[in-house]
């Protein structure tokens, strides 16, 4: 070497490595021959790290984006950790890896491990904790707690690993990165067997990505806790509907038993009416209890069941009266369904009791549909009809007074027509509740 030589060299050590800007200056004797070489080296590690990060920043951001997206779409934490590990293996070109964390007792728990590692070791059904002990994870754990920086082991002699496959070690080199939460050490990410050995880019990449992994895990765990809380709340609400339904049915049964001992026909009829009202409310709570939606019910389906129950209850000879139902399956909020159900109960009861006296035949028609922004329920019969001068605002019967009051609760409109039977139309709007 007769001229000065300058170059950049990567000095690999375990667990640290560094870049050197090296200058070799030949020192010549009087004859012009190189007698000595002066070596001047400058640490340019930070500069090289910055250059590497700039050249690969898009790749890092894409990996972080993949992890954060998976935190949203993954079904559970297990899927998320597998994606996190897969992303890290891809960006570092590692053969396999693992993610583990420290639990409340201070022990090591694994969150994810590359399936091929378990397959190569025939450890598919094996507890991962002994493997962690063989990797001397606890010793690395202590080191990471101090440095809080990723460590590279391209030479593993110092770790004295015991995991072998034949005479060849399964793990040839390794990068381990701490998982930090607000600066506190909570776990570690391990990546193994990069063919060319791990470098600064790998270390810096994991330093950035490991923070994203922690954020994603925290988000997924918070989401799962929220889901559990919502499930617990939903179960509680279902139980409330179930118990309310049972209580109402018990009350209806008691009314039925009590009415059997009452000799006065009018008093017995009052008890029967109260019983049907209790059953109409119980039916709503039963449907909410059994529905996937604990706040809304299919009111068209509710009408079918309630009408049939009343039909069987009030008509001694069902064959003389035809029940026609033209119903749309629309979901109503419980705040609307209960008063509307009671209204329907009163209207159907009146038609079945009074529209067809002395064995007359006829038809009762129920319609329920949506028109524009309004919801319409019509109860129509072709029976004897009401008095021509009937005015619902002036009525003194308890049932129709109840209907009028309930119409006010749902802020609805009622119209009564007494020609050729009785036709009662109810129209209301449910912008706040209906989905």
Protein backbone atom coordinates (compact mmCIF):
# COMPACT_ATOMS: atom_id res chain seq x y z
CA UNK A 1 0.00 0.00 0.00
CA UNK A 2 1.68 3.18 -1.18
CA UNK A 3 -1.25 5.58 -1.02
CA UNK A 4 -3.62 6.62 1.73
CA UNK A 5 -6.75 4.46 1.82
CA UNK A 6 -10.06 5.48 3.27
CA UNK A 7 -13.14 3.32 3.82
CA UNK A 8 -16.19 2.65 5.94
CA UNK A 9 -16.20 -0.59 7.90
CA UNK A 10 -18.80 -2.37 10.02
CA UNK A 11 -17.26 -3.72 13.20
CA UNK A 12 -19.55 -6.48 14.46
CA UNK A 13 -19.59 -7.27 18.15
CA UNK A 14 -22.06 -8.91 20.49
CA UNK A 15 -24.32 -7.44 21.56
CA UNK A 16 -23.15 -4.11 20.06
CA UNK A 17 -21.77 -3.21 16.63
CA UNK A 18 -20.39 0.02 15.21
CA UNK A 19 -19.49 1.72 11.96
CA UNK A 20 -15.98 3.17 11.58
CA UNK A 21 -14.67 5.69 9.06
CA UNK A 22 -11.14 4.31 8.72
CA UNK A 23 -8.13 6.12 7.26
CA UNK A 24 -4.98 4.09 6.52
CA UNK A 25 -1.93 6.32 6.02
CA UNK A 26 1.32 4.64 4.88
CA UNK A 27 4.50 5.83 6.62
CA UNK A 28 7.54 5.52 4.36
CA UNK A 29 11.25 5.37 5.16
CA UNK A 30 13.98 7.27 3.38
CA UNK A 31 14.01 4.70 0.57
CA UNK A 32 10.33 5.32 -0.14
CA UNK A 33 9.20 1.95 1.17
CA UNK A 34 6.21 1.65 3.50
CA UNK A 35 7.59 0.91 6.90
CA UNK A 36 4.50 1.52 9.03
CA UNK A 37 0.81 2.28 8.61
CA UNK A 38 -0.97 4.90 10.65
CA UNK A 39 -4.60 3.96 11.26
CA UNK A 40 -7.10 6.68 12.13
CA UNK A 41 -10.68 5.57 12.85
CA UNK A 42 -13.73 7.70 13.56
CA UNK A 43 -17.01 6.37 14.92
CA UNK A 44 -19.73 7.20 12.36
CA UNK A 45 -22.39 4.87 13.76
CA UNK A 46 -25.03 7.58 14.26
CA UNK A 47 -24.49 8.94 10.76
CA UNK A 48 -24.84 5.49 9.18
CA UNK A 49 -27.94 4.74 11.23
CA UNK A 50 -29.52 7.98 10.05
CA UNK A 51 -28.68 7.21 6.42
CA UNK A 52 -30.07 3.69 6.71
CA UNK A 53 -33.27 4.91 8.31
CA UNK A 54 -33.81 7.53 5.61
CA UNK A 55 -33.35 4.97 2.86
CA UNK A 56 -35.78 2.49 4.44
CA UNK A 57 -38.26 4.80 6.19
CA UNK A 58 -41.13 3.97 3.83
CA UNK A 59 -40.66 0.28 4.53
CA UNK A 60 -40.77 0.91 8.29
CA UNK A 61 -43.88 3.09 8.00
CA UNK A 62 -45.62 0.44 5.89
CA UNK A 63 -44.85 -2.21 8.51
CA UNK A 64 -46.14 0.01 11.32
CA UNK A 65 -49.29 0.74 9.30
CA UNK A 66 -49.90 -2.98 8.78
CA UNK A 67 -49.66 -3.61 12.52
CA UNK A 68 -51.98 -0.74 13.45
CA UNK A 69 -54.51 -1.83 10.82
CA UNK A 70 -54.41 -5.38 12.17
CA UNK A 71 -55.09 -3.99 15.64
CA UNK A 72 -58.43 -2.79 14.25
CA UNK A 73 -59.45 -5.73 12.04
CA UNK A 74 -58.00 -8.70 13.97
CA UNK A 75 -60.59 -10.89 15.68
CA UNK A 76 -58.45 -11.36 18.77
CA UNK A 77 -55.04 -10.74 20.32
CA UNK A 78 -53.62 -14.03 19.04
CA UNK A 79 -54.22 -13.01 15.41
CA UNK A 80 -52.67 -9.60 16.09
CA UNK A 81 -49.45 -10.95 17.66
CA UNK A 82 -48.99 -13.41 14.79
CA UNK A 83 -49.25 -10.56 12.31
CA UNK A 84 -46.82 -8.44 14.34
CA UNK A 85 -44.28 -11.25 14.33
CA UNK A 86 -44.76 -11.95 10.63
CA UNK A 87 -44.22 -8.26 9.77
CA UNK A 88 -41.00 -8.13 11.82
CA UNK A 89 -39.68 -11.32 10.24
CA UNK A 90 -40.37 -9.94 6.77
CA UNK A 91 -38.72 -6.57 7.28
CA UNK A 92 -35.57 -8.11 8.80
CA UNK A 93 -35.52 -11.21 6.53
CA UNK A 94 -35.45 -13.46 9.59
CA UNK A 95 -36.19 -17.18 9.48
CA UNK A 96 -38.33 -17.19 12.62
CA UNK A 97 -38.97 -15.32 15.86
CA UNK A 98 -41.02 -14.99 19.01
CA UNK A 99 -42.77 -12.38 21.16
CA UNK A 100 -42.99 -12.77 24.92
CA UNK A 101 -43.96 -10.61 27.88
CA UNK A 102 -43.59 -10.48 31.63
CA UNK A 103 -46.73 -11.33 33.58
CA UNK A 104 -47.79 -9.94 36.95
CA UNK A 105 -45.75 -12.62 38.74
CA UNK A 106 -42.61 -11.66 36.86
CA UNK A 107 -42.52 -14.86 34.79
CA UNK A 108 -42.12 -15.02 31.03
CA UNK A 109 -45.20 -15.71 28.90
CA UNK A 110 -45.07 -16.16 25.14
CA UNK A 111 -47.54 -14.31 22.96
CA UNK A 112 -46.44 -15.62 19.57
CA UNK A 113 -43.85 -17.94 18.06
CA UNK A 114 -43.17 -18.79 14.44
CA UNK A 115 -44.91 -22.12 13.65
CA UNK A 116 -41.88 -23.38 11.67
CA UNK A 117 -39.71 -23.17 14.78
CA UNK A 118 -42.06 -25.43 16.70
CA UNK A 119 -42.28 -27.73 13.70
CA UNK A 120 -38.51 -28.02 13.29
CA UNK A 121 -38.14 -28.79 16.97
CA UNK A 122 -41.14 -31.15 17.04
CA UNK A 123 -42.58 -28.94 19.77
CA UNK A 124 -46.06 -28.23 18.45
CA UNK A 125 -47.64 -29.44 21.69
CA UNK A 126 -44.76 -28.37 23.90
CA UNK A 127 -44.79 -25.64 26.52
CA UNK A 128 -42.77 -22.69 25.23
CA UNK A 129 -41.48 -21.68 28.66
CA UNK A 130 -38.69 -24.34 28.77
CA UNK A 131 -37.49 -23.05 25.38
CA UNK A 132 -37.31 -19.56 26.81
CA UNK A 133 -35.22 -20.88 29.68
CA UNK A 134 -32.86 -22.56 27.23
CA UNK A 135 -32.54 -19.27 25.39
CA UNK A 136 -31.53 -17.74 28.72
CA UNK A 137 -34.28 -15.21 28.21
CA UNK A 138 -34.12 -14.05 31.82
CA UNK A 139 -30.47 -13.03 31.39
CA UNK A 140 -31.32 -11.17 28.20
CA UNK A 141 -34.33 -9.74 29.97
CA UNK A 142 -32.13 -8.09 32.59
CA UNK A 143 -29.81 -6.73 29.91
CA UNK A 144 -32.73 -5.24 27.97
CA UNK A 145 -34.14 -3.68 31.12
CA UNK A 146 -30.90 -1.76 31.51
CA UNK A 147 -30.27 -0.74 27.91
CA UNK A 148 -33.88 -0.49 26.65
CA UNK A 149 -32.39 -0.80 23.18
CA UNK A 150 -32.44 -3.68 20.66
CA UNK A 151 -29.44 -6.01 20.91
CA UNK A 152 -27.75 -7.96 18.10
CA UNK A 153 -26.07 -11.34 18.61
CA UNK A 154 -24.50 -12.42 15.35
CA UNK A 155 -22.19 -14.69 17.39
CA UNK A 156 -24.04 -16.79 19.94
CA UNK A 157 -21.12 -18.48 21.70
CA UNK A 158 -21.48 -16.21 24.70
CA UNK A 159 -25.09 -17.29 25.20
CA UNK A 160 -24.25 -21.02 25.38
CA UNK A 161 -27.56 -22.00 23.81
CA UNK A 162 -28.73 -25.56 24.35
CA UNK A 163 -31.30 -25.84 21.54
CA UNK A 164 -29.83 -28.10 18.87
CA UNK A 165 -31.13 -30.01 15.91
CA UNK A 166 -28.65 -32.79 15.22
CA UNK A 167 -25.23 -31.24 15.58
CA UNK A 168 -26.23 -27.85 14.24
CA UNK A 169 -27.71 -25.08 16.39
CA UNK A 170 -31.21 -24.07 15.32
CA UNK A 171 -30.50 -20.47 16.24
CA UNK A 172 -27.46 -19.07 14.45
CA UNK A 173 -27.91 -15.36 15.16
CA UNK A 174 -30.51 -13.27 16.93
CA UNK A 175 -31.86 -9.76 17.38
CA UNK A 176 -33.86 -9.02 20.51
CA UNK A 177 -35.83 -5.82 21.01
CA UNK A 178 -37.50 -4.61 24.20
CA UNK A 179 -41.22 -3.87 24.27
CA UNK A 180 -41.66 -0.64 26.20
CA UNK A 181 -44.77 0.98 27.61
CA UNK A 182 -44.19 4.58 28.65
CA UNK A 183 -40.52 3.71 29.03
CA UNK A 184 -41.28 0.68 31.21
CA UNK A 185 -39.99 -2.71 30.07
CA UNK A 186 -42.94 -5.08 29.55
CA UNK A 187 -41.68 -7.72 27.11
CA UNK A 188 -39.40 -8.58 24.25
CA UNK A 189 -39.36 -9.44 20.57
CA UNK A 190 -36.85 -12.00 19.30
CA UNK A 191 -35.86 -12.52 15.65
CA UNK A 192 -33.54 -15.32 14.57
CA UNK A 193 -31.41 -16.52 11.67
CA UNK A 194 -30.87 -13.73 9.22
CA UNK A 195 -28.58 -15.14 6.53
CA UNK A 196 -26.32 -12.09 6.28
CA UNK A 197 -26.43 -11.28 9.99
CA UNK A 198 -28.43 -8.51 11.65
CA UNK A 199 -27.35 -4.90 11.17
CA UNK A 200 -28.08 -1.37 12.30
CA UNK A 201 -31.09 -1.05 10.06
CA UNK A 202 -32.64 -4.13 11.65
CA UNK A 203 -31.99 -2.76 15.10
CA UNK A 204 -33.39 0.69 14.33
CA UNK A 205 -36.39 -0.79 12.55
CA UNK A 206 -37.28 -2.89 15.56
CA UNK A 207 -36.74 0.08 17.85
CA UNK A 208 -39.51 1.89 15.95
CA UNK A 209 -41.77 -1.07 15.24
CA UNK A 210 -41.65 -2.54 18.76
CA UNK A 211 -43.27 0.66 20.07
CA UNK A 212 -46.08 0.20 17.54
CA UNK A 213 -46.52 -3.42 18.63
CA UNK A 214 -47.08 -2.33 22.22
CA UNK A 215 -49.58 0.33 21.12
CA UNK A 216 -51.45 -2.23 19.00
CA UNK A 217 -51.55 -4.78 21.82
CA UNK A 218 -52.81 -2.19 24.29
CA UNK A 219 -55.53 -1.15 21.85
CA UNK A 220 -56.63 -4.73 21.20
CA UNK A 221 -56.70 -5.57 24.91
CA UNK A 222 -58.71 -2.44 25.67
CA UNK A 223 -61.10 -3.38 22.86
CA UNK A 224 -61.48 -6.92 24.21
CA UNK A 225 -62.15 -5.58 27.72
CA UNK A 226 -64.77 -3.24 26.28
CA UNK A 227 -66.36 -6.10 24.33
CA UNK A 228 -66.47 -8.18 27.50
CA UNK A 229 -68.01 -5.30 29.42
CA UNK A 230 -70.62 -4.83 26.68
CA UNK A 231 -71.32 -8.56 26.64
CA UNK A 232 -71.74 -8.53 30.41
CA UNK A 233 -74.06 -5.54 30.14
CA UNK A 234 -76.05 -7.21 27.35
CA UNK A 235 -76.40 -10.37 29.44
CA UNK A 236 -77.62 -8.26 32.35
CA UNK A 237 -80.18 -6.48 30.16
CA UNK A 238 -81.35 -9.82 28.75
CA UNK A 239 -81.73 -11.16 32.27
CA UNK A 240 -83.78 -8.10 33.20
CA UNK A 241 -86.08 -8.64 30.21
CA UNK A 242 -86.35 -12.33 31.10
CA UNK A 243 -87.25 -11.63 34.73
CA UNK A 244 -89.65 -8.86 33.77
CA UNK A 245 -91.41 -11.24 31.39
CA UNK A 246 -91.59 -13.92 34.10
CA UNK A 247 -92.95 -11.45 36.66
CA UNK A 248 -95.62 -10.24 34.26
CA UNK A 249 -96.64 -13.80 33.44
CA UNK A 250 -96.82 -14.62 37.16
CA UNK A 251 -99.01 -11.58 37.64
CA UNK A 252 -101.24 -12.69 34.73
CA UNK A 253 -101.51 -16.18 36.25
CA UNK A 254 -102.46 -14.75 39.65
CA UNK A 255 -105.12 -12.58 38.02
CA UNK A 256 -106.45 -15.63 36.22
CA UNK A 257 -106.62 -17.65 39.45
CA UNK A 258 -108.24 -14.78 41.31
CA UNK A 259 -110.85 -14.17 38.61
CA UNK A 260 -111.94 -17.81 38.87
CA UNK A 261 -113.28 -17.11 42.38
CA UNK A 262 -115.16 -13.95 41.36
CA UNK A 263 -118.86 -14.46 40.75
CA UNK A 264 -119.61 -11.00 39.38
CA UNK A 265 -119.26 -11.17 35.60
CA UNK A 266 -118.23 -7.52 35.20
CA UNK A 267 -115.51 -7.79 37.83
CA UNK A 268 -114.26 -11.01 36.27
CA UNK A 269 -114.06 -9.26 32.90
CA UNK A 270 -111.95 -6.46 34.39
CA UNK A 271 -109.49 -9.02 35.73
CA UNK A 272 -109.37 -10.69 32.32
CA UNK A 273 -108.57 -7.39 30.61
CA UNK A 274 -105.76 -6.64 33.07
CA UNK A 275 -104.44 -10.14 32.46
CA UNK A 276 -104.26 -9.63 28.67
CA UNK A 277 -102.48 -6.29 29.16
CA UNK A 278 -99.87 -7.96 31.32
CA UNK A 279 -99.42 -10.69 28.71
CA UNK A 280 -99.01 -8.14 25.90
CA UNK A 281 -96.13 -6.48 27.80
CA UNK A 282 -94.65 -9.86 28.74
CA UNK A 283 -94.56 -10.83 25.06
CA UNK A 284 -92.46 -7.75 24.23
CA UNK A 285 -89.92 -8.56 26.96
CA UNK A 286 -89.79 -12.18 25.83
CA UNK A 287 -89.03 -11.15 22.24
CA UNK A 288 -86.33 -8.72 23.43
CA UNK A 289 -84.83 -11.48 25.57
CA UNK A 290 -84.68 -13.90 22.64
CA UNK A 291 -83.66 -11.35 20.00
CA UNK A 292 -80.14 -10.51 18.87
CA UNK A 293 -81.12 -6.87 19.38
CA UNK A 294 -81.91 -6.24 23.06
CA UNK A 295 -83.37 -2.77 22.46
CA UNK A 296 -85.57 -3.28 19.39
CA UNK A 297 -88.11 -5.89 18.35
CA UNK A 298 -89.67 -6.92 15.07
CA UNK A 299 -93.09 -5.39 15.67
CA UNK A 300 -94.69 -7.11 12.70
CA UNK A 301 -93.79 -10.47 14.22
CA UNK A 302 -95.02 -9.26 17.61
CA UNK A 303 -98.44 -8.38 16.13
CA UNK A 304 -98.75 -11.89 14.68
CA UNK A 305 -98.16 -13.54 18.05
CA UNK A 306 -100.27 -11.13 20.11
CA UNK A 307 -103.23 -11.21 17.68
CA UNK A 308 -103.23 -15.01 17.62
CA UNK A 309 -103.10 -15.21 21.43
CA UNK A 310 -106.03 -12.78 21.78
CA UNK A 311 -107.90 -14.56 18.99
CA UNK A 312 -107.65 -17.87 20.87
CA UNK A 313 -108.47 -16.22 24.20
CA UNK A 314 -111.59 -14.20 23.36
CA UNK A 315 -113.33 -16.08 20.57
CA UNK A 316 -115.18 -19.19 21.68
CA UNK A 317 -115.81 -20.09 18.03
CA UNK A 318 -112.75 -18.87 16.06
CA UNK A 319 -114.12 -20.22 12.79
CA UNK A 320 -116.80 -17.52 12.56
CA UNK A 321 -114.26 -14.67 12.54
CA UNK A 322 -111.42 -14.43 10.05
CA UNK A 323 -108.19 -12.75 11.12
CA UNK A 324 -106.31 -11.04 8.28
CA UNK A 325 -102.84 -9.55 8.84
CA UNK A 326 -100.91 -7.42 6.36
CA UNK A 327 -97.71 -6.63 8.22
CA UNK A 328 -94.27 -5.30 7.40
CA UNK A 329 -91.38 -6.50 9.54
CA UNK A 330 -90.24 -3.22 11.08
CA UNK A 331 -88.06 -2.86 14.16
CA UNK A 332 -89.42 -0.69 16.96
CA UNK A 333 -87.60 0.55 20.03
CA UNK A 334 -88.89 -0.77 23.33
CA UNK A 335 -89.99 2.77 24.31
CA UNK A 336 -92.43 2.71 21.40
CA UNK A 337 -93.20 -1.01 21.26
CA UNK A 338 -94.64 -1.30 24.80
CA UNK A 339 -97.26 1.47 24.54
CA UNK A 340 -98.10 0.49 20.94
CA UNK A 341 -98.48 -3.13 22.04
CA UNK A 342 -100.92 -2.08 24.77
CA UNK A 343 -102.87 0.01 22.23
CA UNK A 344 -103.11 -2.97 19.89
CA UNK A 345 -104.22 -5.16 22.80
CA UNK A 346 -107.11 -2.78 23.62
CA UNK A 347 -108.25 -2.38 20.01
CA UNK A 348 -108.19 -6.10 19.21
CA UNK A 349 -109.90 -6.95 22.49
CA UNK A 350 -112.75 -4.52 21.72
CA UNK A 351 -113.18 -5.91 18.19
CA UNK A 352 -113.20 -9.53 19.32
CA UNK A 353 -115.57 -8.88 22.23
CA UNK A 354 -118.07 -6.45 20.76
CA UNK A 355 -117.90 -6.34 16.93
CA UNK A 356 -119.65 -9.66 16.30
CA UNK A 357 -122.40 -10.26 18.88
CA UNK A 358 -124.80 -13.23 18.90
CA UNK A 359 -122.58 -15.47 16.79
CA UNK A 360 -122.21 -13.11 13.84
CA UNK A 361 -119.45 -13.78 11.34
CA UNK A 362 -116.93 -11.27 10.08
CA UNK A 363 -113.34 -10.25 9.48
CA UNK A 364 -110.78 -8.43 11.58
CA UNK A 365 -107.91 -6.89 9.60
CA UNK A 366 -104.61 -5.63 11.02
CA UNK A 367 -102.18 -3.61 8.92
CA UNK A 368 -98.77 -2.31 9.91
CA UNK A 369 -96.49 -0.51 7.48
CA UNK A 370 -94.26 2.46 6.88
CA UNK A 371 -95.23 5.30 4.59
CA UNK A 372 -92.69 8.06 4.00
CA UNK A 373 -91.42 8.99 7.48
CA UNK A 374 -94.54 7.76 9.27
CA UNK A 375 -95.50 4.37 10.66
CA UNK A 376 -99.10 3.31 10.36
CA UNK A 377 -101.09 0.67 12.27
CA UNK A 378 -104.71 0.00 11.27
CA UNK A 379 -107.17 -2.22 13.12
CA UNK A 380 -110.36 -2.71 11.10
CA UNK A 381 -113.42 -4.92 11.55
CA UNK A 382 -116.65 -5.25 9.55
CA UNK A 383 -118.81 -5.76 12.64
CA UNK A 384 -121.67 -3.74 14.08
CA UNK A 385 -119.48 -0.65 14.48
CA UNK A 386 -119.52 2.15 17.04
CA UNK A 387 -122.16 4.80 17.55
CA UNK A 388 -122.17 7.39 14.70
CA UNK A 389 -121.56 10.18 17.21
CA UNK A 390 -118.63 8.39 18.86
CA UNK A 391 -115.78 10.73 19.91
CA UNK A 392 -112.66 9.16 21.35
CA UNK A 393 -111.82 12.43 23.10
CA UNK A 394 -115.11 12.22 25.03
CA UNK A 395 -115.20 8.48 25.75
CA UNK A 396 -115.54 7.31 29.34
CA UNK A 397 -114.50 3.68 28.83
CA UNK A 398 -111.27 2.71 30.57
CA UNK A 399 -109.81 0.85 27.58
CA UNK A 400 -110.20 3.72 25.12
CA UNK A 401 -109.03 6.26 27.70
CA UNK A 402 -105.90 4.09 28.02
CA UNK A 403 -105.51 4.10 24.23
CA UNK A 404 -105.75 7.89 24.14
CA UNK A 405 -103.14 8.23 26.87
CA UNK A 406 -100.76 5.80 25.16
CA UNK A 407 -101.14 7.62 21.82
CA UNK A 408 -99.83 10.71 23.62
CA UNK A 409 -96.80 8.75 24.86
CA UNK A 410 -95.68 7.91 21.33
CA UNK A 411 -96.72 11.36 20.06
CA UNK A 412 -99.01 9.69 17.57
CA UNK A 413 -102.24 10.53 15.75
CA UNK A 414 -105.45 8.45 15.95
CA UNK A 415 -108.44 8.49 13.63
CA UNK A 416 -111.66 6.52 14.19
CA UNK A 417 -114.14 5.76 11.41
CA UNK A 418 -117.47 4.10 12.20
CA UNK A 419 -118.87 3.34 8.73
CA UNK A 420 -119.46 -0.32 7.85
CA UNK A 421 -117.79 -1.52 11.01
CA UNK A 422 -114.94 0.15 12.87
CA UNK A 423 -111.63 1.30 11.44
CA UNK A 424 -109.03 2.80 13.74
CA UNK A 425 -105.88 4.27 12.20
CA UNK A 426 -102.81 5.19 14.24
CA UNK A 427 -99.90 7.07 12.73
CA UNK A 428 -96.64 7.96 14.48
CA UNK A 429 -93.02 8.78 13.81
CA UNK A 430 -90.02 7.22 15.48
CA UNK A 431 -86.99 9.10 14.10
CA UNK A 432 -85.10 8.86 17.34
CA UNK A 433 -85.29 5.08 17.69
CA UNK A 434 -86.05 3.23 14.47
CA UNK A 435 -83.10 1.71 12.60
